[in-house]
Amino acid sequence: MNDKTQHIIVGSLAGIATLPLAFLAGFANALAAIFLIATVVFFGKEWYDKIKPQPTGFDKMDLVADYIGLFIGYIVAFIIYSLIKFV
């Protein structure tokens, strides 16, 4: 599994984490909260990659993959949330 695929998977998991929070705080609030948390994690990981003992650098394309995954996770969470709420 390549690096970008791993970033997409992690981003997707973060997006799907919106689902349980949506039932507590509403979907819009959950989206905002997860977006903020994910942004801190995504940028923190890239910053760490820049300063770790054998640095690989800050990769903007990793961030793109993270946010693509986050968007995919949001879509999955929204579909599941909608099905549960409207059934």
Protein backbone atom coordinates (compact mmCIF):
# COMPACT_ATOMS: atom_id res chain seq x y z
CA MET A 1 0.00 0.00 0.00
CA ASN A 2 1.55 3.32 -0.99
CA ASP A 3 1.79 6.45 1.12
CA LYS A 4 -1.04 8.40 -0.56
CA THR A 5 -3.42 5.45 -0.15
CA GLN A 6 -2.61 5.39 3.56
CA HIS A 7 -3.36 9.12 3.80
CA ILE A 8 -6.70 8.64 2.02
CA ILE A 9 -7.63 5.80 4.39
CA VAL A 10 -6.75 7.83 7.51
CA GLY A 11 -8.66 10.82 6.15
CA SER A 12 -11.67 8.61 5.41
CA LEU A 13 -11.66 7.23 8.93
CA ALA A 14 -11.60 10.77 10.28
CA GLY A 15 -14.56 11.66 8.07
CA ILE A 16 -16.51 8.61 9.18
CA ALA A 17 -15.87 9.67 12.80
CA THR A 18 -18.34 12.45 12.05
CA LEU A 19 -21.17 9.92 12.29
CA PRO A 20 -21.29 9.27 16.06
CA LEU A 21 -20.62 12.91 16.83
CA ALA A 22 -23.46 13.95 14.50
CA PHE A 23 -26.01 12.24 16.74
CA LEU A 24 -24.77 14.25 19.73
CA ALA A 25 -24.14 17.67 18.18
CA GLY A 26 -25.91 17.67 14.82
CA PHE A 27 -24.32 16.94 11.48
CA ALA A 28 -23.11 20.48 10.68
CA ASN A 29 -21.44 20.86 14.08
CA ALA A 30 -19.87 17.42 13.76
CA LEU A 31 -18.47 18.33 10.32
CA ALA A 32 -16.89 21.48 11.70
CA ALA A 33 -15.44 19.75 14.78
CA ILE A 34 -13.98 16.85 12.82
CA PHE A 35 -12.58 19.24 10.20
CA LEU A 36 -10.74 21.22 12.88
CA ILE A 37 -9.43 18.11 14.64
CA ALA A 38 -8.39 16.49 11.36
CA THR A 39 -6.63 19.66 10.20
CA VAL A 40 -4.54 19.73 13.37
CA VAL A 41 -3.66 16.04 12.96
CA PHE A 42 -2.94 16.30 9.21
CA PHE A 43 -0.69 19.36 9.54
CA GLY A 44 0.90 17.99 12.71
CA LYS A 45 1.90 14.82 10.89
CA GLU A 46 3.46 16.78 8.03
CA TRP A 47 5.27 19.07 10.46
CA TYR A 48 6.61 16.00 12.30
CA ASP A 49 7.81 14.58 8.98
CA LYS A 50 9.83 17.77 8.56
CA ILE A 51 11.57 17.61 11.96
CA LYS A 52 11.88 13.88 12.72
CA PRO A 53 15.37 12.33 12.99
CA GLN A 54 15.36 11.22 9.33
CA PRO A 55 13.11 13.91 7.84
CA THR A 56 11.07 13.22 4.75
CA GLY A 57 9.80 16.79 4.48
CA PHE A 58 6.44 18.51 4.42
CA ASP A 59 4.47 16.98 1.55
CA LYS A 60 1.56 19.07 0.29
CA MET A 61 0.27 16.14 -1.75
CA ASP A 62 -0.07 14.13 1.46
CA LEU A 63 -2.39 16.88 2.71
CA VAL A 64 -4.38 16.68 -0.53
CA ALA A 65 -4.75 12.92 -0.04
CA ASP A 66 -5.77 13.47 3.60
CA TYR A 67 -8.52 15.91 2.63
CA ILE A 68 -9.73 13.73 -0.26
CA GLY A 69 -10.11 10.92 2.26
CA LEU A 70 -11.85 13.24 4.71
CA PHE A 71 -14.36 14.23 2.03
CA ILE A 72 -14.99 10.55 1.17
CA GLY A 73 -15.54 9.81 4.86
CA TYR A 74 -17.96 12.75 5.13
CA ILE A 75 -20.00 11.38 2.22
CA VAL A 76 -20.16 7.91 3.77
CA ALA A 77 -21.10 9.37 7.17
CA PHE A 78 -23.77 11.59 5.61
CA ILE A 79 -25.35 8.67 3.75
CA ILE A 80 -25.44 6.51 6.87
CA TYR A 81 -26.67 9.42 9.02
CA SER A 82 -29.45 10.17 6.52
CA LEU A 83 -30.53 6.56 6.35
CA ILE A 84 -30.70 6.28 10.13
CA LYS A 85 -32.47 9.61 10.62
CA PHE A 86 -35.07 9.11 7.89
CA VAL A 87 -35.91 5.46 8.40
